[in-house]
Amino acid sequence: MSQPLVVGTLVGNPRPGSRTLIAAQALGEAVRHALAAQGRDVSPHGPLVDAATLAPEVFAPGSTAVREALESLAAVDVLVVASPTYKATYTGLLKAILDQSPANWLRGKTAVPLLVAAADKHALAVELHLKPLLAELGASTPGRGLFLNEALLDDRPALTDALAARLSEAGWFTEPVGALR
């Protein structure tokens, strides 16, 4: 019998407990539901890395915290990568963490990119910046990147449902995903 699929989350907001973290957790739940709806066995929990907790360690000589966090995420099948939009792209903290990952770190994994912003004018940033970064790390990103206007975060009970609808609209997990075990 095969192991259940594991969905992990990496949040690139430099503020601990951010609204981006809330959105990323809701998206992770929506991904688990989408995979379960395909009849997949999905673990109810997966690793969560909040970059804000790693910020003091990112450039600290000899620190192993970032490497250990990346290793915990290396075991997932699907990785949600979320960031607030800073200067029309993902955060420098997220990039600094991902720069410490090994070559092809995400090979054989599906990554779901999510950018959160205050204005819809940043909606293309996920396609132009975050999705190509994940592809460079070896990830498969078969659907469109997801954008969330932060105004939608005010209705937290409906957030998972809204993100599930966006997953479907963007072409994520609408058919069985062959790359997943």
N, C-alpha and C. Protein backbone atom coordinates (compact mmCIF):
# COMPACT_ATOMS: atom_id res chain seq x y z
N MET A 1 0.84 -1.18 0.00
CA MET A 1 0.00 0.00 0.00
C MET A 1 0.89 1.24 0.00
N SER A 2 0.55 2.20 -0.82
CA SER A 2 1.37 3.40 -0.92
C SER A 2 1.10 4.36 0.24
N GLN A 3 2.06 5.21 0.46
CA GLN A 3 1.94 6.23 1.51
C GLN A 3 0.98 7.32 1.04
N PRO A 4 0.28 7.96 1.97
CA PRO A 4 -0.58 9.08 1.57
C PRO A 4 0.24 10.24 1.01
N LEU A 5 -0.37 10.99 0.11
CA LEU A 5 0.27 12.19 -0.41
C LEU A 5 0.40 13.22 0.70
N VAL A 6 1.50 13.94 0.68
CA VAL A 6 1.74 14.96 1.70
C VAL A 6 1.77 16.34 1.02
N VAL A 7 1.01 17.26 1.58
CA VAL A 7 0.97 18.64 1.10
C VAL A 7 1.70 19.50 2.14
N GLY A 8 2.73 20.20 1.70
CA GLY A 8 3.49 21.09 2.58
C GLY A 8 3.28 22.54 2.19
N THR A 9 3.72 23.43 3.07
CA THR A 9 3.50 24.85 2.86
C THR A 9 4.75 25.65 3.22
N LEU A 10 5.12 26.57 2.34
CA LEU A 10 6.20 27.51 2.59
C LEU A 10 5.64 28.92 2.44
N VAL A 11 5.75 29.71 3.48
CA VAL A 11 5.20 31.07 3.48
C VAL A 11 6.36 32.06 3.55
N GLY A 12 6.41 32.99 2.59
CA GLY A 12 7.52 33.92 2.49
C GLY A 12 7.28 35.29 3.08
N ASN A 13 6.32 35.43 3.98
CA ASN A 13 6.07 36.74 4.59
C ASN A 13 7.03 36.96 5.75
N PRO A 14 7.70 38.10 5.82
CA PRO A 14 8.62 38.34 6.93
C PRO A 14 7.92 38.62 8.27
N ARG A 15 6.60 38.75 8.27
CA ARG A 15 5.87 39.01 9.50
C ARG A 15 5.30 37.69 10.05
N PRO A 16 5.63 37.33 11.29
CA PRO A 16 5.11 36.08 11.88
C PRO A 16 3.59 36.10 11.97
N GLY A 17 2.97 34.95 11.74
CA GLY A 17 1.52 34.82 11.86
C GLY A 17 0.75 35.72 10.91
N SER A 18 1.29 35.96 9.74
CA SER A 18 0.72 36.90 8.77
C SER A 18 -0.58 36.40 8.15
N ARG A 19 -1.23 37.32 7.47
CA ARG A 19 -2.43 36.95 6.71
C ARG A 19 -2.05 36.07 5.51
N THR A 20 -0.83 36.22 5.01
CA THR A 20 -0.35 35.32 3.95
C THR A 20 -0.28 33.90 4.48
N LEU A 21 0.13 33.73 5.72
CA LEU A 21 0.16 32.41 6.35
C LEU A 21 -1.24 31.82 6.40
N ILE A 22 -2.22 32.62 6.77
CA ILE A 22 -3.61 32.16 6.82
C ILE A 22 -4.07 31.73 5.44
N ALA A 23 -3.76 32.53 4.41
CA ALA A 23 -4.15 32.19 3.04
C ALA A 23 -3.46 30.90 2.59
N ALA A 24 -2.19 30.75 2.92
CA ALA A 24 -1.44 29.56 2.53
C ALA A 24 -2.00 28.31 3.19
N GLN A 25 -2.36 28.40 4.45
CA GLN A 25 -2.95 27.25 5.14
C GLN A 25 -4.31 26.90 4.52
N ALA A 26 -5.09 27.90 4.18
CA ALA A 26 -6.38 27.65 3.53
C ALA A 26 -6.18 27.00 2.16
N LEU A 27 -5.17 27.47 1.42
CA LEU A 27 -4.89 26.87 0.11
C LEU A 27 -4.42 25.43 0.27
N GLY A 28 -3.58 25.16 1.27
CA GLY A 28 -3.15 23.79 1.53
C GLY A 28 -4.34 22.88 1.79
N GLU A 29 -5.30 23.37 2.56
CA GLU A 29 -6.50 22.59 2.84
C GLU A 29 -7.31 22.37 1.56
N ALA A 30 -7.41 23.39 0.72
CA ALA A 30 -8.12 23.25 -0.55
C ALA A 30 -7.43 22.23 -1.46
N VAL A 31 -6.10 22.22 -1.47
CA VAL A 31 -5.35 21.24 -2.26
C VAL A 31 -5.62 19.83 -1.75
N ARG A 32 -5.59 19.65 -0.43
CA ARG A 32 -5.88 18.33 0.14
C ARG A 32 -7.28 17.86 -0.26
N HIS A 33 -8.26 18.76 -0.19
CA HIS A 33 -9.63 18.40 -0.58
C HIS A 33 -9.70 18.03 -2.06
N ALA A 34 -9.01 18.80 -2.92
CA ALA A 34 -9.03 18.51 -4.36
C ALA A 34 -8.43 17.15 -4.66
N LEU A 35 -7.33 16.82 -3.99
CA LEU A 35 -6.69 15.52 -4.21
C LEU A 35 -7.55 14.39 -3.66
N ALA A 36 -8.16 14.60 -2.51
CA ALA A 36 -9.04 13.57 -1.93
C ALA A 36 -10.26 13.35 -2.82
N ALA A 37 -10.74 14.41 -3.46
CA ALA A 37 -11.89 14.28 -4.37
C ALA A 37 -11.56 13.41 -5.58
N GLN A 38 -10.27 13.28 -5.89
CA GLN A 38 -9.83 12.39 -6.97
C GLN A 38 -9.68 10.96 -6.49
N GLY A 39 -9.94 10.73 -5.22
CA GLY A 39 -9.79 9.40 -4.66
C GLY A 39 -8.38 9.13 -4.15
N ARG A 40 -7.57 10.17 -4.05
CA ARG A 40 -6.20 10.01 -3.54
C ARG A 40 -6.22 9.92 -2.03
N ASP A 41 -5.28 9.15 -1.50
CA ASP A 41 -5.06 9.08 -0.06
C ASP A 41 -4.16 10.25 0.29
N VAL A 42 -4.65 11.17 1.11
CA VAL A 42 -3.93 12.40 1.42
C VAL A 42 -3.75 12.53 2.93
N SER A 43 -2.54 12.79 3.34
CA SER A 43 -2.26 13.02 4.76
C SER A 43 -2.98 14.29 5.21
N PRO A 44 -3.59 14.28 6.39
CA PRO A 44 -4.28 15.48 6.87
C PRO A 44 -3.32 16.59 7.31
N HIS A 45 -2.05 16.25 7.45
CA HIS A 45 -1.06 17.23 7.91
C HIS A 45 0.19 17.15 7.05
N GLY A 46 0.86 18.26 6.95
CA GLY A 46 2.14 18.31 6.24
C GLY A 46 3.00 19.39 6.86
N PRO A 47 4.27 19.43 6.51
CA PRO A 47 5.14 20.43 7.10
C PRO A 47 4.75 21.85 6.69
N LEU A 48 4.91 22.76 7.63
CA LEU A 48 4.64 24.17 7.41
C LEU A 48 5.89 24.95 7.80
N VAL A 49 6.40 25.74 6.87
CA VAL A 49 7.55 26.58 7.16
C VAL A 49 7.12 28.03 6.97
N ASP A 50 7.14 28.78 8.07
CA ASP A 50 6.84 30.21 8.04
C ASP A 50 8.19 30.93 8.02
N ALA A 51 8.53 31.52 6.89
CA ALA A 51 9.84 32.15 6.71
C ALA A 51 10.15 33.18 7.79
N ALA A 52 9.13 33.79 8.35
CA ALA A 52 9.35 34.80 9.39
C ALA A 52 10.11 34.22 10.57
N THR A 53 9.88 32.95 10.86
CA THR A 53 10.57 32.32 11.98
C THR A 53 12.03 32.00 11.65
N LEU A 54 12.34 31.97 10.36
CA LEU A 54 13.71 31.69 9.92
C LEU A 54 14.53 32.95 9.66
N ALA A 55 13.87 34.09 9.60
CA ALA A 55 14.54 35.33 9.19
C ALA A 55 15.86 35.59 9.90
N PRO A 56 15.95 35.42 11.22
CA PRO A 56 17.23 35.69 11.88
C PRO A 56 18.34 34.71 11.47
N GLU A 57 17.96 33.57 10.92
CA GLU A 57 18.94 32.52 10.60
C GLU A 57 19.38 32.52 9.13
N VAL A 58 18.66 33.25 8.29
CA VAL A 58 18.90 33.16 6.85
C VAL A 58 20.34 33.49 6.48
N PHE A 59 20.90 34.50 7.07
CA PHE A 59 22.26 34.90 6.72
C PHE A 59 23.25 34.66 7.86
N ALA A 60 22.84 33.90 8.87
CA ALA A 60 23.72 33.62 10.01
C ALA A 60 24.72 32.53 9.63
N PRO A 61 26.00 32.81 9.75
CA PRO A 61 27.01 31.80 9.41
C PRO A 61 26.85 30.55 10.27
N GLY A 62 26.88 29.41 9.62
CA GLY A 62 26.80 28.14 10.33
C GLY A 62 25.42 27.72 10.78
N SER A 63 24.41 28.53 10.51
CA SER A 63 23.05 28.17 10.92
C SER A 63 22.54 27.01 10.07
N THR A 64 21.88 26.07 10.71
CA THR A 64 21.31 24.93 9.99
C THR A 64 19.80 25.03 9.88
N ALA A 65 19.20 26.08 10.43
CA ALA A 65 17.74 26.18 10.48
C ALA A 65 17.10 26.18 9.09
N VAL A 66 17.67 26.93 8.16
CA VAL A 66 17.09 26.99 6.81
C VAL A 66 17.23 25.63 6.13
N ARG A 67 18.40 25.02 6.23
CA ARG A 67 18.61 23.70 5.61
C ARG A 67 17.61 22.68 6.18
N GLU A 68 17.42 22.68 7.48
CA GLU A 68 16.48 21.75 8.11
C GLU A 68 15.04 22.01 7.66
N ALA A 69 14.68 23.28 7.52
CA ALA A 69 13.34 23.61 7.04
C ALA A 69 13.14 23.13 5.60
N LEU A 70 14.14 23.35 4.76
CA LEU A 70 14.05 22.88 3.37
C LEU A 70 14.00 21.36 3.30
N GLU A 71 14.75 20.68 4.16
CA GLU A 71 14.70 19.22 4.19
C GLU A 71 13.32 18.72 4.59
N SER A 72 12.66 19.41 5.52
CA SER A 72 11.31 18.99 5.92
C SER A 72 10.34 19.12 4.75
N LEU A 73 10.54 20.13 3.92
CA LEU A 73 9.66 20.32 2.76
C LEU A 73 10.02 19.41 1.60
N ALA A 74 11.23 18.89 1.57
CA ALA A 74 11.66 18.01 0.48
C ALA A 74 10.89 16.70 0.47
N ALA A 75 10.26 16.36 1.58
CA ALA A 75 9.53 15.09 1.67
C ALA A 75 8.09 15.19 1.18
N VAL A 76 7.64 16.37 0.77
CA VAL A 76 6.25 16.53 0.35
C VAL A 76 6.06 16.13 -1.11
N ASP A 77 4.80 15.90 -1.46
CA ASP A 77 4.44 15.63 -2.85
C ASP A 77 3.96 16.89 -3.55
N VAL A 78 3.26 17.73 -2.78
CA VAL A 78 2.74 19.00 -3.29
C VAL A 78 3.19 20.09 -2.31
N LEU A 79 3.72 21.18 -2.86
CA LEU A 79 4.18 22.28 -2.02
C LEU A 79 3.44 23.56 -2.39
N VAL A 80 2.73 24.12 -1.43
CA VAL A 80 2.13 25.44 -1.58
C VAL A 80 3.20 26.46 -1.21
N VAL A 81 3.48 27.39 -2.11
CA VAL A 81 4.46 28.44 -1.84
C VAL A 81 3.72 29.78 -1.95
N ALA A 82 3.64 30.47 -0.82
CA ALA A 82 2.87 31.71 -0.76
C ALA A 82 3.74 32.87 -0.30
N SER A 83 3.45 34.03 -0.87
CA SER A 83 4.19 35.24 -0.50
C SER A 83 3.27 36.43 -0.66
N PRO A 84 3.47 37.45 0.18
CA PRO A 84 2.82 38.71 -0.14
C PRO A 84 3.55 39.32 -1.34
N THR A 85 2.90 40.21 -2.00
CA THR A 85 3.53 40.88 -3.14
C THR A 85 4.24 42.13 -2.63
N TYR A 86 5.55 42.15 -2.78
CA TYR A 86 6.38 43.30 -2.42
C TYR A 86 7.03 43.80 -3.69
N LYS A 87 6.83 45.06 -4.00
CA LYS A 87 7.44 45.66 -5.20
C LYS A 87 7.14 44.81 -6.44
N ALA A 88 5.91 44.36 -6.55
CA ALA A 88 5.40 43.62 -7.71
C ALA A 88 6.00 42.23 -7.88
N THR A 89 6.54 41.64 -6.82
CA THR A 89 7.05 40.27 -6.89
C THR A 89 7.00 39.64 -5.50
N TYR A 90 7.59 38.46 -5.36
CA TYR A 90 7.65 37.78 -4.06
C TYR A 90 8.68 38.48 -3.17
N THR A 91 8.71 38.12 -1.90
CA THR A 91 9.60 38.78 -0.95
C THR A 91 11.06 38.35 -1.10
N GLY A 92 11.94 39.22 -0.70
CA GLY A 92 13.37 38.89 -0.68
C GLY A 92 13.67 37.78 0.31
N LEU A 93 12.91 37.72 1.40
CA LEU A 93 13.12 36.65 2.38
C LEU A 93 12.84 35.29 1.76
N LEU A 94 11.75 35.18 1.00
CA LEU A 94 11.45 33.92 0.33
C LEU A 94 12.57 33.55 -0.63
N LYS A 95 13.04 34.52 -1.41
CA LYS A 95 14.12 34.25 -2.37
C LYS A 95 15.40 33.84 -1.65
N ALA A 96 15.72 34.50 -0.54
CA ALA A 96 16.94 34.16 0.20
C ALA A 96 16.88 32.73 0.75
N ILE A 97 15.70 32.30 1.15
CA ILE A 97 15.55 30.92 1.64
C ILE A 97 15.66 29.94 0.48
N LEU A 98 14.95 30.22 -0.61
CA LEU A 98 14.98 29.31 -1.76
C LEU A 98 16.37 29.26 -2.40
N ASP A 99 17.13 30.34 -2.29
CA ASP A 99 18.50 30.33 -2.82
C ASP A 99 19.39 29.33 -2.09
N GLN A 100 18.99 28.91 -0.91
CA GLN A 100 19.77 27.94 -0.15
C GLN A 100 19.35 26.50 -0.41
N SER A 101 18.38 26.32 -1.29
CA SER A 101 17.95 24.95 -1.62
C SER A 101 18.92 24.32 -2.60
N PRO A 102 19.04 22.99 -2.56
CA PRO A 102 19.92 22.31 -3.52
C PRO A 102 19.36 22.42 -4.94
N ALA A 103 20.20 22.20 -5.92
CA ALA A 103 19.76 22.19 -7.32
C ALA A 103 18.65 21.16 -7.50
N ASN A 104 17.65 21.52 -8.28
CA ASN A 104 16.51 20.64 -8.57
C ASN A 104 15.83 20.13 -7.31
N TRP A 105 15.82 20.94 -6.29
CA TRP A 105 15.23 20.60 -5.00
C TRP A 105 13.77 20.15 -5.13
N LEU A 106 13.05 20.71 -6.08
CA LEU A 106 11.63 20.39 -6.23
C LEU A 106 11.34 19.42 -7.38
N ARG A 107 12.37 18.77 -7.91
CA ARG A 107 12.16 17.82 -9.01
C ARG A 107 11.20 16.72 -8.54
N GLY A 108 10.21 16.43 -9.38
CA GLY A 108 9.24 15.39 -9.06
C GLY A 108 8.13 15.84 -8.13
N LYS A 109 8.09 17.13 -7.83
CA LYS A 109 7.07 17.65 -6.94
C LYS A 109 6.19 18.65 -7.69
N THR A 110 4.98 18.77 -7.24
CA THR A 110 4.07 19.78 -7.78
C THR A 110 4.08 20.96 -6.83
N ALA A 111 4.27 22.15 -7.35
CA ALA A 111 4.25 23.36 -6.53
C ALA A 111 3.09 24.25 -6.97
N VAL A 112 2.37 24.76 -5.99
CA VAL A 112 1.23 25.64 -6.24
C VAL A 112 1.62 27.03 -5.73
N PRO A 113 1.90 27.97 -6.65
CA PRO A 113 2.30 29.32 -6.24
C PRO A 113 1.10 30.21 -5.93
N LEU A 114 1.23 30.99 -4.86
CA LEU A 114 0.18 31.93 -4.45
C LEU A 114 0.83 33.26 -4.06
N LEU A 115 0.37 34.34 -4.67
CA LEU A 115 0.77 35.67 -4.24
C LEU A 115 -0.46 36.40 -3.71
N VAL A 116 -0.27 37.12 -2.62
CA VAL A 116 -1.32 37.90 -1.99
C VAL A 116 -0.93 39.37 -2.13
N ALA A 117 -1.87 40.21 -2.56
CA ALA A 117 -1.57 41.63 -2.73
C ALA A 117 -2.78 42.48 -2.40
N ALA A 118 -2.54 43.76 -2.19
CA ALA A 118 -3.61 44.70 -1.87
C ALA A 118 -4.36 45.17 -3.12
N ALA A 119 -3.77 44.99 -4.28
CA ALA A 119 -4.39 45.49 -5.51
C ALA A 119 -4.32 44.45 -6.62
N ASP A 120 -5.40 44.37 -7.38
CA ASP A 120 -5.48 43.41 -8.48
C ASP A 120 -4.45 43.68 -9.58
N LYS A 121 -3.89 44.88 -9.62
CA LYS A 121 -2.90 45.18 -10.65
C LYS A 121 -1.66 44.30 -10.54
N HIS A 122 -1.51 43.60 -9.42
CA HIS A 122 -0.37 42.70 -9.22
C HIS A 122 -0.69 41.25 -9.56
N ALA A 123 -1.85 41.00 -10.14
CA ALA A 123 -2.31 39.63 -10.38
C ALA A 123 -1.37 38.82 -11.28
N LEU A 124 -0.69 39.45 -12.20
CA LEU A 124 0.20 38.71 -13.10
C LEU A 124 1.56 38.40 -12.49
N ALA A 125 1.87 39.00 -11.36
CA ALA A 125 3.19 38.79 -10.74
C ALA A 125 3.44 37.33 -10.41
N VAL A 126 2.41 36.60 -10.07
CA VAL A 126 2.59 35.18 -9.75
C VAL A 126 3.05 34.40 -10.97
N GLU A 127 2.51 34.74 -12.13
CA GLU A 127 2.91 34.06 -13.38
C GLU A 127 4.28 34.53 -13.87
N LEU A 128 4.57 35.80 -13.67
CA LEU A 128 5.81 36.38 -14.19
C LEU A 128 7.02 36.12 -13.30
N HIS A 129 6.80 35.94 -12.00
CA HIS A 129 7.93 35.85 -11.08
C HIS A 129 7.98 34.57 -10.26
N LEU A 130 6.92 34.29 -9.49
CA LEU A 130 6.98 33.16 -8.56
C LEU A 130 6.92 31.81 -9.28
N LYS A 131 6.02 31.67 -10.22
CA LYS A 131 5.91 30.39 -10.93
C LYS A 131 7.21 30.02 -11.66
N PRO A 132 7.86 30.94 -12.38
CA PRO A 132 9.14 30.59 -13.01
C PRO A 132 10.24 30.24 -12.00
N LEU A 133 10.23 30.88 -10.84
CA LEU A 133 11.22 30.55 -9.81
C LEU A 133 11.05 29.10 -9.37
N LEU A 134 9.81 28.67 -9.16
CA LEU A 134 9.55 27.30 -8.74
C LEU A 134 9.92 26.31 -9.84
N ALA A 135 9.65 26.67 -11.09
CA ALA A 135 10.05 25.81 -12.21
C ALA A 135 11.57 25.68 -12.28
N GLU A 136 12.28 26.76 -12.01
CA GLU A 136 13.75 26.73 -12.01
C GLU A 136 14.29 25.77 -10.96
N LEU A 137 13.54 25.60 -9.87
CA LEU A 137 13.94 24.67 -8.81
C LEU A 137 13.51 23.24 -9.11
N GLY A 138 12.88 23.03 -10.28
CA GLY A 138 12.53 21.69 -10.71
C GLY A 138 11.08 21.31 -10.52
N ALA A 139 10.27 22.19 -9.98
CA ALA A 139 8.87 21.87 -9.69
C ALA A 139 8.03 21.81 -10.96
N SER A 140 7.02 20.98 -10.91
CA SER A 140 5.97 20.98 -11.92
C SER A 140 4.90 21.96 -11.44
N THR A 141 4.49 22.86 -12.31
CA THR A 141 3.44 23.82 -11.97
C THR A 141 2.39 23.78 -13.08
N PRO A 142 1.57 22.73 -13.12
CA PRO A 142 0.70 22.50 -14.27
C PRO A 142 -0.48 23.45 -14.42
N GLY A 143 -0.85 24.19 -13.40
CA GLY A 143 -1.96 25.14 -13.51
C GLY A 143 -1.43 26.56 -13.45
N ARG A 144 -2.34 27.52 -13.66
CA ARG A 144 -1.95 28.92 -13.52
C ARG A 144 -1.63 29.23 -12.06
N GLY A 145 -0.71 30.16 -11.85
CA GLY A 145 -0.43 30.63 -10.50
C GLY A 145 -1.66 31.31 -9.92
N LEU A 146 -1.77 31.27 -8.61
CA LEU A 146 -2.95 31.83 -7.95
C LEU A 146 -2.63 33.19 -7.33
N PHE A 147 -3.55 34.11 -7.50
CA PHE A 147 -3.45 35.45 -6.93
C PHE A 147 -4.64 35.65 -6.01
N LEU A 148 -4.41 36.30 -4.89
CA LEU A 148 -5.48 36.57 -3.94
C LEU A 148 -5.39 38.02 -3.50
N ASN A 149 -6.46 38.77 -3.73
CA ASN A 149 -6.53 40.12 -3.21
C ASN A 149 -6.75 40.02 -1.71
N GLU A 150 -5.93 40.72 -0.94
CA GLU A 150 -6.00 40.57 0.52
C GLU A 150 -7.35 40.96 1.11
N ALA A 151 -8.18 41.69 0.37
CA ALA A 151 -9.52 42.02 0.87
C ALA A 151 -10.34 40.75 1.10
N LEU A 152 -10.04 39.69 0.35
CA LEU A 152 -10.76 38.43 0.50
C LEU A 152 -10.39 37.70 1.79
N LEU A 153 -9.32 38.12 2.43
CA LEU A 153 -8.90 37.47 3.67
C LEU A 153 -9.79 37.85 4.84
N ASP A 154 -10.62 38.87 4.67
CA ASP A 154 -11.49 39.30 5.75
C ASP A 154 -12.60 38.29 6.04
N ASP A 155 -12.93 37.44 5.07
CA ASP A 155 -13.97 36.42 5.25
C ASP A 155 -13.29 35.07 5.40
N ARG A 156 -12.66 34.85 6.54
CA ARG A 156 -11.86 33.64 6.73
C ARG A 156 -12.65 32.35 6.59
N PRO A 157 -13.89 32.27 7.07
CA PRO A 157 -14.61 30.99 6.90
C PRO A 157 -14.80 30.59 5.44
N ALA A 158 -14.92 31.56 4.55
CA ALA A 158 -15.14 31.26 3.13
C ALA A 158 -13.83 31.15 2.34
N LEU A 159 -12.70 31.40 2.99
CA LEU A 159 -11.43 31.47 2.28
C LEU A 159 -11.04 30.15 1.62
N THR A 160 -11.16 29.03 2.33
CA THR A 160 -10.79 27.74 1.75
C THR A 160 -11.66 27.42 0.54
N ASP A 161 -12.97 27.69 0.64
CA ASP A 161 -13.86 27.45 -0.49
C ASP A 161 -13.50 28.35 -1.68
N ALA A 162 -13.18 29.60 -1.41
CA ALA A 162 -12.80 30.52 -2.49
C ALA A 162 -11.52 30.06 -3.16
N LEU A 163 -10.56 29.61 -2.38
CA LEU A 163 -9.30 29.13 -2.97
C LEU A 163 -9.50 27.81 -3.70
N ALA A 164 -10.40 26.96 -3.22
CA ALA A 164 -10.71 25.72 -3.93
C ALA A 164 -11.29 26.04 -5.31
N ALA A 165 -12.16 27.03 -5.37
CA ALA A 165 -12.74 27.44 -6.66
C ALA A 165 -11.65 27.98 -7.57
N ARG A 166 -10.72 28.75 -7.02
CA ARG A 166 -9.62 29.28 -7.84
C ARG A 166 -8.71 28.18 -8.35
N LEU A 167 -8.47 27.17 -7.52
CA LEU A 167 -7.67 26.02 -7.97
C LEU A 167 -8.31 25.39 -9.19
N SER A 168 -9.60 25.17 -9.11
CA SER A 168 -10.32 24.54 -10.21
C SER A 168 -10.30 25.43 -11.46
N GLU A 169 -10.59 26.71 -11.28
CA GLU A 169 -10.61 27.65 -12.41
C GLU A 169 -9.24 27.75 -13.08
N ALA A 170 -8.18 27.61 -12.29
CA ALA A 170 -6.82 27.75 -12.82
C ALA A 170 -6.28 26.44 -13.38
N GLY A 171 -7.09 25.38 -13.35
CA GLY A 171 -6.67 24.11 -13.94
C GLY A 171 -5.87 23.20 -13.04
N TRP A 172 -5.90 23.42 -11.74
CA TRP A 172 -5.15 22.59 -10.79
C TRP A 172 -5.98 21.39 -10.36
N PHE A 173 -5.41 20.21 -10.45
CA PHE A 173 -5.98 18.99 -9.91
C PHE A 173 -7.39 18.71 -10.42
N THR A 174 -7.68 19.15 -11.65
CA THR A 174 -8.99 18.87 -12.23
C THR A 174 -9.02 17.50 -12.88
N GLU A 175 -7.86 16.97 -13.18
CA GLU A 175 -7.71 15.61 -13.69
C GLU A 175 -6.68 14.92 -12.82
N PRO A 176 -6.68 13.60 -12.79
CA PRO A 176 -5.65 12.92 -12.00
C PRO A 176 -4.26 13.39 -12.41
N VAL A 177 -3.45 13.70 -11.43
CA VAL A 177 -2.11 14.22 -11.68
C VAL A 177 -1.14 13.07 -11.74
N GLY A 178 -0.62 12.79 -12.93
CA GLY A 178 0.27 11.66 -13.12
C GLY A 178 1.61 11.79 -12.43
N ALA A 179 2.08 13.02 -12.22
CA ALA A 179 3.39 13.21 -11.60
C ALA A 179 3.38 12.83 -10.12
N LEU A 180 2.20 12.84 -9.52
CA LEU A 180 2.12 12.47 -8.11
C LEU A 180 2.13 10.97 -8.00
N ARG A 181 2.81 10.46 -6.98
CA ARG A 181 2.96 9.01 -6.78
C ARG A 181 1.72 8.25 -7.15
